[in-house]
Amino acid sequence: MLRRLLPRTTDFFEFFDKHIALTIEACRVLQEMAERNGDFAPHVSRIKDLEHETDRITHQCIEALHETFITPMERGDIHRLIKRMDDIIDAVDSAVMRIRLYQIREMRDEVKLTARLLVQATSEVAEALKLMRSPKNIEQIKASCIKIYGYENEADTVLRNALARLFDQEKDPIAVIKWKEIFEILELASDRCEDVANIIQGITIEAS
């Protein structure tokens, strides 16, 4: 009991780094899925495993937040950051679960493009998180966040065009419903990368 009352520090950046590394891996598995056709069950299973592991890290981070006396930033910022990071892989997992549920056997080109952009965006999130360890890196963090915004804008364009083509060219109304939902969830994953960049930039500005 006494040990729990003593001030202690926790390397919260270690939680962030582990979490984003698994998220990048999930996006790469999605990219592998998008490059092939057929049975995606192994890919879906792998992403689910990664999502469970990131959930575990998120819970550990929040528990540590309650038990730590000294934190590298505001407690609310740590909580918002890890939760929003978790939303990225949750969206990726949700998208691939729909792909399996709807028995998709052939990927559309827009999924390939979006998966590539998600790999790039999450990799840049990882870079921004590393830079956050030093307050001297404010300009590099800003540049990293701008890159993330760029990837998100590209993904938005890809997915808007995907929906336009879907409504224009797809004759099967059930296929339209399925793909519309998948595209919207992938857009959500991209949007969450932007949200993480916004949080990172906000924390950096407050600390400067």
N, C-alpha and C. Protein backbone atom coordinates (compact mmCIF):
# COMPACT_ATOMS: atom_id res chain seq x y z
N MET A 1 0.83 -1.20 0.00
CA MET A 1 0.00 0.00 0.00
C MET A 1 0.87 1.25 0.00
N LEU A 2 1.92 1.25 0.87
CA LEU A 2 2.80 2.41 0.96
C LEU A 2 3.51 2.65 -0.36
N ARG A 3 3.92 1.56 -1.04
CA ARG A 3 4.62 1.69 -2.32
C ARG A 3 3.76 2.41 -3.35
N ARG A 4 2.46 2.16 -3.30
CA ARG A 4 1.55 2.79 -4.26
C ARG A 4 1.39 4.29 -4.01
N LEU A 5 1.68 4.72 -2.78
CA LEU A 5 1.54 6.13 -2.44
C LEU A 5 2.79 6.93 -2.78
N LEU A 6 3.88 6.25 -3.02
CA LEU A 6 5.12 6.95 -3.31
C LEU A 6 5.12 7.49 -4.73
N PRO A 7 5.70 8.68 -4.95
CA PRO A 7 5.80 9.23 -6.31
C PRO A 7 6.61 8.29 -7.20
N ARG A 8 6.15 8.09 -8.40
CA ARG A 8 6.90 7.27 -9.34
C ARG A 8 6.67 7.83 -10.73
N THR A 9 7.58 7.52 -11.63
CA THR A 9 7.45 7.97 -13.01
C THR A 9 7.28 6.77 -13.91
N THR A 10 6.64 6.99 -15.04
CA THR A 10 6.42 5.95 -16.04
C THR A 10 6.79 6.50 -17.40
N ASP A 11 7.44 5.68 -18.21
CA ASP A 11 7.78 6.10 -19.57
C ASP A 11 6.56 5.88 -20.46
N PHE A 12 5.71 6.88 -20.52
CA PHE A 12 4.49 6.77 -21.32
C PHE A 12 4.80 6.70 -22.82
N PHE A 13 5.94 7.25 -23.20
CA PHE A 13 6.31 7.17 -24.61
C PHE A 13 6.55 5.72 -25.05
N GLU A 14 6.93 4.89 -24.09
CA GLU A 14 7.10 3.46 -24.41
C GLU A 14 5.76 2.83 -24.78
N PHE A 15 4.72 3.21 -24.07
CA PHE A 15 3.37 2.74 -24.43
C PHE A 15 3.00 3.23 -25.83
N PHE A 16 3.26 4.52 -26.10
CA PHE A 16 2.92 5.08 -27.41
C PHE A 16 3.68 4.36 -28.52
N ASP A 17 4.98 4.15 -28.29
CA ASP A 17 5.82 3.53 -29.33
C ASP A 17 5.38 2.09 -29.63
N LYS A 18 5.09 1.33 -28.58
CA LYS A 18 4.65 -0.05 -28.78
C LYS A 18 3.30 -0.09 -29.51
N HIS A 19 2.42 0.80 -29.11
CA HIS A 19 1.08 0.83 -29.70
C HIS A 19 1.14 1.17 -31.18
N ILE A 20 1.86 2.22 -31.53
CA ILE A 20 1.88 2.64 -32.93
C ILE A 20 2.62 1.63 -33.80
N ALA A 21 3.62 0.92 -33.24
CA ALA A 21 4.32 -0.11 -34.02
C ALA A 21 3.35 -1.22 -34.43
N LEU A 22 2.47 -1.61 -33.53
CA LEU A 22 1.47 -2.64 -33.85
C LEU A 22 0.43 -2.12 -34.83
N THR A 23 0.09 -0.85 -34.72
CA THR A 23 -0.86 -0.24 -35.65
C THR A 23 -0.28 -0.20 -37.06
N ILE A 24 0.99 0.16 -37.17
CA ILE A 24 1.67 0.15 -38.48
C ILE A 24 1.63 -1.26 -39.07
N GLU A 25 1.91 -2.25 -38.22
CA GLU A 25 1.89 -3.64 -38.70
C GLU A 25 0.50 -4.01 -39.22
N ALA A 26 -0.54 -3.59 -38.51
CA ALA A 26 -1.91 -3.88 -38.94
C ALA A 26 -2.19 -3.24 -40.30
N CYS A 27 -1.72 -2.02 -40.49
CA CYS A 27 -1.92 -1.35 -41.78
C CYS A 27 -1.15 -2.05 -42.89
N ARG A 28 0.00 -2.59 -42.56
CA ARG A 28 0.78 -3.34 -43.56
C ARG A 28 0.08 -4.65 -43.93
N VAL A 29 -0.54 -5.29 -42.94
CA VAL A 29 -1.31 -6.51 -43.23
C VAL A 29 -2.49 -6.16 -44.13
N LEU A 30 -3.14 -5.03 -43.86
CA LEU A 30 -4.22 -4.56 -44.73
C LEU A 30 -3.70 -4.34 -46.14
N GLN A 31 -2.51 -3.77 -46.24
CA GLN A 31 -1.91 -3.53 -47.55
C GLN A 31 -1.65 -4.86 -48.28
N GLU A 32 -1.18 -5.86 -47.54
CA GLU A 32 -0.98 -7.19 -48.13
C GLU A 32 -2.31 -7.77 -48.62
N MET A 33 -3.35 -7.61 -47.83
CA MET A 33 -4.69 -8.06 -48.24
C MET A 33 -5.11 -7.42 -49.55
N ALA A 34 -4.88 -6.11 -49.62
CA ALA A 34 -5.34 -5.34 -50.77
C ALA A 34 -4.62 -5.71 -52.05
N GLU A 35 -3.44 -6.32 -51.91
CA GLU A 35 -2.64 -6.67 -53.09
C GLU A 35 -2.98 -8.05 -53.64
N ARG A 36 -3.93 -8.72 -53.02
CA ARG A 36 -4.25 -10.08 -53.47
C ARG A 36 -5.76 -10.28 -53.49
N ASN A 37 -6.18 -11.39 -54.04
CA ASN A 37 -7.59 -11.77 -54.05
C ASN A 37 -7.72 -13.16 -53.43
N GLY A 38 -8.92 -13.51 -53.03
CA GLY A 38 -9.14 -14.85 -52.50
C GLY A 38 -9.55 -14.84 -51.04
N ASP A 39 -8.98 -15.78 -50.27
CA ASP A 39 -9.35 -15.95 -48.87
C ASP A 39 -8.49 -15.03 -48.00
N PHE A 40 -9.13 -14.10 -47.30
CA PHE A 40 -8.41 -13.14 -46.47
C PHE A 40 -8.41 -13.52 -44.99
N ALA A 41 -8.88 -14.73 -44.67
CA ALA A 41 -9.05 -15.12 -43.26
C ALA A 41 -7.76 -14.98 -42.44
N PRO A 42 -6.59 -15.41 -42.95
CA PRO A 42 -5.36 -15.25 -42.14
C PRO A 42 -5.03 -13.79 -41.84
N HIS A 43 -5.27 -12.91 -42.82
CA HIS A 43 -5.00 -11.49 -42.62
C HIS A 43 -5.96 -10.89 -41.58
N VAL A 44 -7.22 -11.25 -41.69
CA VAL A 44 -8.23 -10.75 -40.75
C VAL A 44 -7.89 -11.20 -39.33
N SER A 45 -7.48 -12.46 -39.20
CA SER A 45 -7.12 -13.01 -37.89
C SER A 45 -5.90 -12.29 -37.31
N ARG A 46 -4.91 -12.02 -38.15
CA ARG A 46 -3.70 -11.34 -37.68
C ARG A 46 -4.03 -9.93 -37.20
N ILE A 47 -4.84 -9.22 -37.95
CA ILE A 47 -5.21 -7.86 -37.55
C ILE A 47 -6.00 -7.88 -36.24
N LYS A 48 -6.87 -8.86 -36.08
CA LYS A 48 -7.62 -8.99 -34.82
C LYS A 48 -6.67 -9.21 -33.65
N ASP A 49 -5.66 -10.05 -33.83
CA ASP A 49 -4.66 -10.28 -32.78
C ASP A 49 -3.93 -8.99 -32.42
N LEU A 50 -3.56 -8.23 -33.44
CA LEU A 50 -2.87 -6.96 -33.22
C LEU A 50 -3.77 -5.97 -32.49
N GLU A 51 -5.05 -5.96 -32.86
CA GLU A 51 -6.01 -5.06 -32.21
C GLU A 51 -6.17 -5.42 -30.74
N HIS A 52 -6.19 -6.71 -30.42
CA HIS A 52 -6.29 -7.13 -29.02
C HIS A 52 -5.05 -6.67 -28.24
N GLU A 53 -3.89 -6.78 -28.88
CA GLU A 53 -2.64 -6.39 -28.21
C GLU A 53 -2.60 -4.88 -27.96
N THR A 54 -3.08 -4.10 -28.91
CA THR A 54 -3.10 -2.65 -28.70
C THR A 54 -4.12 -2.26 -27.63
N ASP A 55 -5.20 -3.00 -27.54
CA ASP A 55 -6.16 -2.77 -26.44
C ASP A 55 -5.48 -2.99 -25.09
N ARG A 56 -4.69 -4.05 -25.03
CA ARG A 56 -3.98 -4.36 -23.78
C ARG A 56 -3.02 -3.22 -23.41
N ILE A 57 -2.29 -2.72 -24.40
CA ILE A 57 -1.36 -1.61 -24.16
C ILE A 57 -2.11 -0.36 -23.72
N THR A 58 -3.23 -0.10 -24.36
CA THR A 58 -4.04 1.07 -23.99
C THR A 58 -4.49 0.98 -22.54
N HIS A 59 -4.96 -0.19 -22.13
CA HIS A 59 -5.41 -0.36 -20.75
C HIS A 59 -4.25 -0.22 -19.77
N GLN A 60 -3.08 -0.75 -20.14
CA GLN A 60 -1.89 -0.62 -19.28
C GLN A 60 -1.51 0.85 -19.12
N CYS A 61 -1.58 1.58 -20.22
CA CYS A 61 -1.23 3.00 -20.21
C CYS A 61 -2.17 3.78 -19.29
N ILE A 62 -3.46 3.50 -19.39
CA ILE A 62 -4.44 4.22 -18.57
C ILE A 62 -4.29 3.84 -17.09
N GLU A 63 -4.01 2.57 -16.82
CA GLU A 63 -3.77 2.15 -15.44
C GLU A 63 -2.55 2.86 -14.87
N ALA A 64 -1.48 2.93 -15.67
CA ALA A 64 -0.25 3.60 -15.23
C ALA A 64 -0.51 5.08 -14.98
N LEU A 65 -1.39 5.64 -15.76
CA LEU A 65 -1.73 7.06 -15.61
C LEU A 65 -2.34 7.33 -14.24
N HIS A 66 -3.15 6.41 -13.76
CA HIS A 66 -3.79 6.56 -12.45
C HIS A 66 -2.81 6.36 -11.30
N GLU A 67 -1.72 5.63 -11.58
CA GLU A 67 -0.78 5.27 -10.51
C GLU A 67 0.50 6.11 -10.52
N THR A 68 0.65 6.97 -11.50
CA THR A 68 1.90 7.72 -11.66
C THR A 68 1.76 9.13 -11.13
N PHE A 69 2.75 9.52 -10.35
CA PHE A 69 2.73 10.85 -9.74
C PHE A 69 3.22 11.92 -10.72
N ILE A 70 4.28 11.62 -11.43
CA ILE A 70 4.88 12.58 -12.37
C ILE A 70 4.65 12.09 -13.79
N THR A 71 4.05 12.92 -14.62
CA THR A 71 3.80 12.56 -16.02
C THR A 71 4.48 13.57 -16.94
N PRO A 72 4.87 13.15 -18.15
CA PRO A 72 5.60 14.05 -19.06
C PRO A 72 4.73 15.12 -19.71
N MET A 73 3.42 14.98 -19.56
CA MET A 73 2.47 15.95 -20.12
C MET A 73 1.19 15.86 -19.30
N GLU A 74 0.21 16.67 -19.61
CA GLU A 74 -1.05 16.64 -18.87
C GLU A 74 -1.69 15.25 -18.95
N ARG A 75 -2.26 14.80 -17.86
CA ARG A 75 -2.88 13.48 -17.82
C ARG A 75 -3.98 13.34 -18.87
N GLY A 76 -4.77 14.39 -19.01
CA GLY A 76 -5.84 14.35 -20.01
C GLY A 76 -5.30 14.20 -21.41
N ASP A 77 -4.15 14.80 -21.68
CA ASP A 77 -3.54 14.69 -23.01
C ASP A 77 -3.05 13.27 -23.28
N ILE A 78 -2.45 12.65 -22.27
CA ILE A 78 -2.00 11.26 -22.42
C ILE A 78 -3.19 10.36 -22.71
N HIS A 79 -4.26 10.55 -21.95
CA HIS A 79 -5.46 9.72 -22.13
C HIS A 79 -6.05 9.92 -23.52
N ARG A 80 -6.19 11.16 -23.94
CA ARG A 80 -6.76 11.45 -25.27
C ARG A 80 -5.90 10.87 -26.38
N LEU A 81 -4.58 11.00 -26.22
CA LEU A 81 -3.66 10.54 -27.26
C LEU A 81 -3.72 9.03 -27.43
N ILE A 82 -3.61 8.27 -26.33
CA ILE A 82 -3.60 6.81 -26.46
C ILE A 82 -4.96 6.29 -26.93
N LYS A 83 -6.05 6.93 -26.50
CA LYS A 83 -7.37 6.49 -26.94
C LYS A 83 -7.59 6.77 -28.42
N ARG A 84 -7.14 7.93 -28.87
CA ARG A 84 -7.31 8.26 -30.29
C ARG A 84 -6.40 7.39 -31.15
N MET A 85 -5.21 7.08 -30.67
CA MET A 85 -4.34 6.14 -31.38
C MET A 85 -5.04 4.79 -31.52
N ASP A 86 -5.70 4.37 -30.45
CA ASP A 86 -6.38 3.08 -30.47
C ASP A 86 -7.53 3.07 -31.48
N ASP A 87 -8.11 4.23 -31.71
CA ASP A 87 -9.20 4.33 -32.68
C ASP A 87 -8.74 4.02 -34.11
N ILE A 88 -7.45 4.27 -34.40
CA ILE A 88 -6.94 4.00 -35.75
C ILE A 88 -7.02 2.50 -36.05
N ILE A 89 -6.42 1.70 -35.17
CA ILE A 89 -6.40 0.25 -35.42
C ILE A 89 -7.80 -0.35 -35.26
N ASP A 90 -8.63 0.24 -34.40
CA ASP A 90 -10.02 -0.23 -34.29
C ASP A 90 -10.74 -0.09 -35.63
N ALA A 91 -10.50 1.03 -36.32
CA ALA A 91 -11.15 1.25 -37.62
C ALA A 91 -10.61 0.28 -38.67
N VAL A 92 -9.30 0.05 -38.66
CA VAL A 92 -8.72 -0.92 -39.59
C VAL A 92 -9.31 -2.30 -39.35
N ASP A 93 -9.38 -2.70 -38.09
CA ASP A 93 -9.97 -3.99 -37.74
C ASP A 93 -11.43 -4.07 -38.17
N SER A 94 -12.17 -3.00 -37.96
CA SER A 94 -13.58 -2.98 -38.36
C SER A 94 -13.73 -3.13 -39.87
N ALA A 95 -12.85 -2.48 -40.62
CA ALA A 95 -12.92 -2.57 -42.09
C ALA A 95 -12.66 -3.99 -42.57
N VAL A 96 -11.62 -4.63 -42.03
CA VAL A 96 -11.30 -5.99 -42.52
C VAL A 96 -12.34 -7.00 -42.04
N MET A 97 -12.94 -6.76 -40.89
CA MET A 97 -14.02 -7.64 -40.44
C MET A 97 -15.21 -7.55 -41.40
N ARG A 98 -15.50 -6.35 -41.90
CA ARG A 98 -16.57 -6.20 -42.90
C ARG A 98 -16.20 -6.94 -44.18
N ILE A 99 -14.94 -6.85 -44.58
CA ILE A 99 -14.49 -7.53 -45.80
C ILE A 99 -14.73 -9.04 -45.67
N ARG A 100 -14.44 -9.58 -44.50
CA ARG A 100 -14.67 -11.01 -44.30
C ARG A 100 -16.17 -11.32 -44.19
N LEU A 101 -16.89 -10.50 -43.42
CA LEU A 101 -18.32 -10.72 -43.23
C LEU A 101 -19.07 -10.71 -44.56
N TYR A 102 -18.70 -9.77 -45.43
CA TYR A 102 -19.38 -9.63 -46.71
C TYR A 102 -18.81 -10.55 -47.78
N GLN A 103 -17.87 -11.41 -47.37
CA GLN A 103 -17.28 -12.41 -48.27
C GLN A 103 -16.70 -11.76 -49.54
N ILE A 104 -16.00 -10.66 -49.32
CA ILE A 104 -15.30 -10.00 -50.43
C ILE A 104 -14.15 -10.89 -50.87
N ARG A 105 -14.05 -11.15 -52.16
CA ARG A 105 -12.99 -11.99 -52.70
C ARG A 105 -12.03 -11.23 -53.60
N GLU A 106 -12.47 -10.07 -54.03
CA GLU A 106 -11.64 -9.28 -54.94
C GLU A 106 -11.61 -7.83 -54.47
N MET A 107 -10.40 -7.33 -54.24
CA MET A 107 -10.24 -5.98 -53.72
C MET A 107 -10.34 -4.94 -54.84
N ARG A 108 -10.79 -3.78 -54.47
CA ARG A 108 -10.82 -2.64 -55.39
C ARG A 108 -9.51 -1.87 -55.27
N ASP A 109 -9.14 -1.21 -56.36
CA ASP A 109 -7.87 -0.47 -56.39
C ASP A 109 -7.80 0.59 -55.30
N GLU A 110 -8.95 1.19 -54.97
CA GLU A 110 -8.95 2.25 -53.97
C GLU A 110 -8.55 1.74 -52.58
N VAL A 111 -8.81 0.47 -52.31
CA VAL A 111 -8.38 -0.10 -51.03
C VAL A 111 -6.86 -0.19 -50.99
N LYS A 112 -6.27 -0.57 -52.12
CA LYS A 112 -4.81 -0.64 -52.20
C LYS A 112 -4.19 0.73 -51.93
N LEU A 113 -4.73 1.75 -52.56
CA LEU A 113 -4.20 3.11 -52.40
C LEU A 113 -4.38 3.60 -50.96
N THR A 114 -5.54 3.34 -50.39
CA THR A 114 -5.81 3.80 -49.03
C THR A 114 -4.93 3.06 -48.02
N ALA A 115 -4.74 1.77 -48.21
CA ALA A 115 -3.89 1.00 -47.31
C ALA A 115 -2.46 1.54 -47.33
N ARG A 116 -1.97 1.86 -48.51
CA ARG A 116 -0.62 2.43 -48.62
C ARG A 116 -0.53 3.75 -47.87
N LEU A 117 -1.55 4.59 -48.02
CA LEU A 117 -1.56 5.89 -47.34
C LEU A 117 -1.66 5.72 -45.82
N LEU A 118 -2.38 4.71 -45.37
CA LEU A 118 -2.47 4.45 -43.93
C LEU A 118 -1.13 4.00 -43.36
N VAL A 119 -0.40 3.19 -44.13
CA VAL A 119 0.95 2.79 -43.70
C VAL A 119 1.83 4.03 -43.57
N GLN A 120 1.76 4.91 -44.56
CA GLN A 120 2.58 6.12 -44.53
C GLN A 120 2.17 7.04 -43.38
N ALA A 121 0.88 7.21 -43.18
CA ALA A 121 0.40 8.11 -42.12
C ALA A 121 0.78 7.59 -40.74
N THR A 122 0.57 6.30 -40.49
CA THR A 122 0.89 5.76 -39.17
C THR A 122 2.40 5.73 -38.93
N SER A 123 3.17 5.52 -39.98
CA SER A 123 4.63 5.57 -39.84
C SER A 123 5.08 6.98 -39.46
N GLU A 124 4.40 7.97 -40.02
CA GLU A 124 4.73 9.37 -39.68
C GLU A 124 4.26 9.70 -38.26
N VAL A 125 3.16 9.11 -37.83
CA VAL A 125 2.74 9.27 -36.43
C VAL A 125 3.83 8.74 -35.50
N ALA A 126 4.39 7.59 -35.85
CA ALA A 126 5.48 7.02 -35.05
C ALA A 126 6.66 7.97 -34.96
N GLU A 127 6.98 8.61 -36.07
CA GLU A 127 8.09 9.57 -36.09
C GLU A 127 7.78 10.77 -35.20
N ALA A 128 6.56 11.29 -35.29
CA ALA A 128 6.16 12.44 -34.46
C ALA A 128 6.22 12.09 -32.97
N LEU A 129 5.80 10.88 -32.63
CA LEU A 129 5.84 10.45 -31.23
C LEU A 129 7.27 10.38 -30.70
N LYS A 130 8.19 9.91 -31.53
CA LYS A 130 9.60 9.87 -31.12
C LYS A 130 10.13 11.28 -30.89
N LEU A 131 9.75 12.19 -31.78
CA LEU A 131 10.21 13.58 -31.67
C LEU A 131 9.66 14.27 -30.42
N MET A 132 8.50 13.81 -29.95
CA MET A 132 7.88 14.43 -28.77
C MET A 132 8.69 14.25 -27.50
N ARG A 133 9.63 13.35 -27.50
CA ARG A 133 10.44 13.11 -26.30
C ARG A 133 11.28 14.33 -25.93
N SER A 134 11.54 15.21 -26.91
CA SER A 134 12.32 16.41 -26.64
C SER A 134 11.54 17.66 -27.04
N PRO A 135 11.40 18.63 -26.14
CA PRO A 135 10.68 19.87 -26.49
C PRO A 135 11.41 20.70 -27.54
N LYS A 136 12.66 20.37 -27.80
CA LYS A 136 13.43 21.11 -28.80
C LYS A 136 12.99 20.78 -30.22
N ASN A 137 12.20 19.74 -30.38
CA ASN A 137 11.85 19.24 -31.72
C ASN A 137 10.55 19.82 -32.26
N ILE A 138 10.14 20.98 -31.77
CA ILE A 138 8.83 21.51 -32.13
C ILE A 138 8.65 21.70 -33.64
N GLU A 139 9.68 22.18 -34.33
CA GLU A 139 9.56 22.41 -35.77
C GLU A 139 9.48 21.09 -36.53
N GLN A 140 10.27 20.11 -36.09
CA GLN A 140 10.22 18.79 -36.74
C GLN A 140 8.87 18.11 -36.51
N ILE A 141 8.33 18.30 -35.30
CA ILE A 141 7.01 17.73 -35.01
C ILE A 141 5.95 18.37 -35.89
N LYS A 142 6.03 19.69 -36.04
CA LYS A 142 5.08 20.40 -36.90
C LYS A 142 5.17 19.88 -38.34
N ALA A 143 6.40 19.69 -38.82
CA ALA A 143 6.59 19.18 -40.19
C ALA A 143 6.03 17.77 -40.33
N SER A 144 6.22 16.96 -39.30
CA SER A 144 5.71 15.59 -39.32
C SER A 144 4.19 15.58 -39.35
N CYS A 145 3.57 16.45 -38.57
CA CYS A 145 2.11 16.54 -38.55
C CYS A 145 1.56 17.00 -39.90
N ILE A 146 2.27 17.92 -40.54
CA ILE A 146 1.85 18.39 -41.87
C ILE A 146 1.86 17.23 -42.86
N LYS A 147 2.84 16.35 -42.76
CA LYS A 147 2.88 15.16 -43.63
C LYS A 147 1.66 14.27 -43.38
N ILE A 148 1.32 14.10 -42.11
CA ILE A 148 0.15 13.27 -41.77
C ILE A 148 -1.12 13.88 -42.36
N TYR A 149 -1.25 15.20 -42.25
CA TYR A 149 -2.42 15.87 -42.84
C TYR A 149 -2.47 15.64 -44.34
N GLY A 150 -1.30 15.65 -44.97
CA GLY A 150 -1.24 15.42 -46.41
C GLY A 150 -1.71 14.03 -46.79
N TYR A 151 -1.28 13.02 -46.03
CA TYR A 151 -1.73 11.65 -46.30
C TYR A 151 -3.23 11.52 -46.09
N GLU A 152 -3.75 12.20 -45.06
CA GLU A 152 -5.19 12.14 -44.80
C GLU A 152 -5.97 12.79 -45.93
N ASN A 153 -5.47 13.90 -46.44
CA ASN A 153 -6.14 14.57 -47.56
C ASN A 153 -6.14 13.68 -48.81
N GLU A 154 -5.01 13.01 -49.05
CA GLU A 154 -4.93 12.09 -50.20
C GLU A 154 -5.94 10.96 -50.05
N ALA A 155 -6.02 10.41 -48.84
CA ALA A 155 -6.96 9.30 -48.60
C ALA A 155 -8.40 9.77 -48.79
N ASP A 156 -8.71 10.97 -48.33
CA ASP A 156 -10.06 11.51 -48.52
C ASP A 156 -10.41 11.60 -50.01
N THR A 157 -9.45 12.08 -50.79
CA THR A 157 -9.67 12.21 -52.24
C THR A 157 -9.89 10.84 -52.88
N VAL A 158 -9.03 9.88 -52.52
CA VAL A 158 -9.16 8.52 -53.05
C VAL A 158 -10.53 7.95 -52.73
N LEU A 159 -10.97 8.10 -51.49
CA LEU A 159 -12.22 7.48 -51.06
C LEU A 159 -13.45 8.21 -51.59
N ARG A 160 -13.36 9.52 -51.75
CA ARG A 160 -14.47 10.25 -52.39
C ARG A 160 -14.64 9.80 -53.84
N ASN A 161 -13.51 9.67 -54.53
CA ASN A 161 -13.56 9.20 -55.92
C ASN A 161 -14.05 7.76 -55.99
N ALA A 162 -13.67 6.96 -54.99
CA ALA A 162 -14.12 5.57 -54.95
C ALA A 162 -15.64 5.49 -54.83
N LEU A 163 -16.21 6.32 -53.97
CA LEU A 163 -17.67 6.33 -53.81
C LEU A 163 -18.35 6.80 -55.09
N ALA A 164 -17.78 7.81 -55.73
CA ALA A 164 -18.36 8.31 -56.98
C ALA A 164 -18.39 7.22 -58.04
N ARG A 165 -17.27 6.50 -58.18
CA ARG A 165 -17.21 5.41 -59.17
C ARG A 165 -18.16 4.28 -58.79
N LEU A 166 -18.24 4.01 -57.50
CA LEU A 166 -19.11 2.93 -57.02
C LEU A 166 -20.56 3.20 -57.42
N PHE A 167 -21.04 4.41 -57.15
CA PHE A 167 -22.43 4.75 -57.47
C PHE A 167 -22.66 4.85 -58.98
N ASP A 168 -21.62 5.19 -59.71
CA ASP A 168 -21.75 5.37 -61.15
C ASP A 168 -21.67 4.05 -61.92
N GLN A 169 -20.83 3.12 -61.45
CA GLN A 169 -20.51 1.94 -62.24
C GLN A 169 -21.08 0.64 -61.70
N GLU A 170 -21.26 0.54 -60.39
CA GLU A 170 -21.71 -0.73 -59.80
C GLU A 170 -23.23 -0.88 -59.97
N LYS A 171 -23.64 -1.98 -60.59
CA LYS A 171 -25.06 -2.22 -60.86
C LYS A 171 -25.75 -3.01 -59.75
N ASP A 172 -24.95 -3.70 -58.93
CA ASP A 172 -25.52 -4.52 -57.86
C ASP A 172 -25.71 -3.65 -56.61
N PRO A 173 -26.96 -3.38 -56.20
CA PRO A 173 -27.19 -2.50 -55.04
C PRO A 173 -26.61 -3.04 -53.74
N ILE A 174 -26.56 -4.37 -53.60
CA ILE A 174 -25.99 -4.96 -52.39
C ILE A 174 -24.49 -4.69 -52.34
N ALA A 175 -23.83 -4.81 -53.49
CA ALA A 175 -22.39 -4.52 -53.55
C ALA A 175 -22.12 -3.05 -53.22
N VAL A 176 -23.00 -2.18 -53.67
CA VAL A 176 -22.86 -0.75 -53.37
C VAL A 176 -22.91 -0.53 -51.85
N ILE A 177 -23.87 -1.15 -51.19
CA ILE A 177 -24.01 -1.00 -49.74
C ILE A 177 -22.77 -1.52 -49.01
N LYS A 178 -22.29 -2.70 -49.43
CA LYS A 178 -21.11 -3.30 -48.79
C LYS A 178 -19.89 -2.40 -48.93
N TRP A 179 -19.59 -2.00 -50.15
CA TRP A 179 -18.38 -1.23 -50.40
C TRP A 179 -18.46 0.18 -49.83
N LYS A 180 -19.64 0.75 -49.84
CA LYS A 180 -19.80 2.08 -49.24
C LYS A 180 -19.42 2.04 -47.77
N GLU A 181 -19.87 1.02 -47.07
CA GLU A 181 -19.55 0.90 -45.65
C GLU A 181 -18.05 0.70 -45.43
N ILE A 182 -17.44 -0.16 -46.24
CA ILE A 182 -16.00 -0.41 -46.12
C ILE A 182 -15.21 0.86 -46.38
N PHE A 183 -15.55 1.58 -47.44
CA PHE A 183 -14.85 2.83 -47.75
C PHE A 183 -14.99 3.84 -46.62
N GLU A 184 -16.17 3.94 -46.05
CA GLU A 184 -16.40 4.92 -44.98
C GLU A 184 -15.60 4.57 -43.73
N ILE A 185 -15.44 3.29 -43.44
CA ILE A 185 -14.65 2.89 -42.27
C ILE A 185 -13.17 3.16 -42.52
N LEU A 186 -12.70 2.90 -43.74
CA LEU A 186 -11.31 3.22 -44.08
C LEU A 186 -11.05 4.72 -43.98
N GLU A 187 -12.03 5.51 -44.38
CA GLU A 187 -11.89 6.96 -44.25
C GLU A 187 -11.81 7.36 -42.77
N LEU A 188 -12.55 6.65 -41.93
CA LEU A 188 -12.50 6.91 -40.49
C LEU A 188 -11.09 6.64 -39.95
N ALA A 189 -10.46 5.56 -40.41
CA ALA A 189 -9.09 5.25 -39.97
C ALA A 189 -8.14 6.38 -40.34
N SER A 190 -8.30 6.89 -41.55
CA SER A 190 -7.47 8.01 -42.01
C SER A 190 -7.75 9.27 -41.19
N ASP A 191 -9.01 9.54 -40.92
CA ASP A 191 -9.38 10.71 -40.11
C ASP A 191 -8.78 10.63 -38.71
N ARG A 192 -8.71 9.43 -38.16
CA ARG A 192 -8.16 9.27 -36.81
C ARG A 192 -6.66 9.55 -36.79
N CYS A 193 -5.97 9.28 -37.89
CA CYS A 193 -4.55 9.66 -37.98
C CYS A 193 -4.42 11.17 -37.90
N GLU A 194 -5.31 11.87 -38.57
CA GLU A 194 -5.32 13.33 -38.51
C GLU A 194 -5.61 13.80 -37.09
N ASP A 195 -6.56 13.15 -36.42
CA ASP A 195 -6.88 13.52 -35.04
C ASP A 195 -5.66 13.37 -34.12
N VAL A 196 -4.93 12.28 -34.30
CA VAL A 196 -3.73 12.06 -33.50
C VAL A 196 -2.71 13.16 -33.76
N ALA A 197 -2.54 13.53 -35.01
CA ALA A 197 -1.61 14.62 -35.35
C ALA A 197 -2.05 15.93 -34.68
N ASN A 198 -3.35 16.18 -34.66
CA ASN A 198 -3.87 17.39 -34.00
C ASN A 198 -3.55 17.39 -32.51
N ILE A 199 -3.72 16.24 -31.87
CA ILE A 199 -3.42 16.13 -30.44
C ILE A 199 -1.93 16.34 -30.18
N ILE A 200 -1.10 15.69 -31.00
CA ILE A 200 0.35 15.84 -30.85
C ILE A 200 0.77 17.30 -30.99
N GLN A 201 0.22 17.95 -32.02
CA GLN A 201 0.58 19.34 -32.25
C GLN A 201 0.09 20.23 -31.10
N GLY A 202 -1.10 19.95 -30.59
CA GLY A 202 -1.62 20.73 -29.47
C GLY A 202 -0.76 20.58 -28.22
N ILE A 203 -0.35 19.35 -27.93
CA ILE A 203 0.52 19.10 -26.77
C ILE A 203 1.84 19.84 -26.92
N THR A 204 2.39 19.79 -28.13
CA THR A 204 3.68 20.44 -28.39
C THR A 204 3.59 21.95 -28.22
N ILE A 205 2.51 22.53 -28.72
CA ILE A 205 2.33 23.99 -28.60
C ILE A 205 2.20 24.39 -27.13
N GLU A 206 1.44 23.61 -26.36
CA GLU A 206 1.26 23.92 -24.94
C GLU A 206 2.57 23.84 -24.18
N ALA A 207 3.44 22.92 -24.60
CA ALA A 207 4.70 22.69 -23.89
C ALA A 207 5.79 23.68 -24.29
N SER A 208 5.58 24.38 -25.39
CA SER A 208 6.64 25.27 -25.90
C SER A 208 6.63 26.63 -25.21
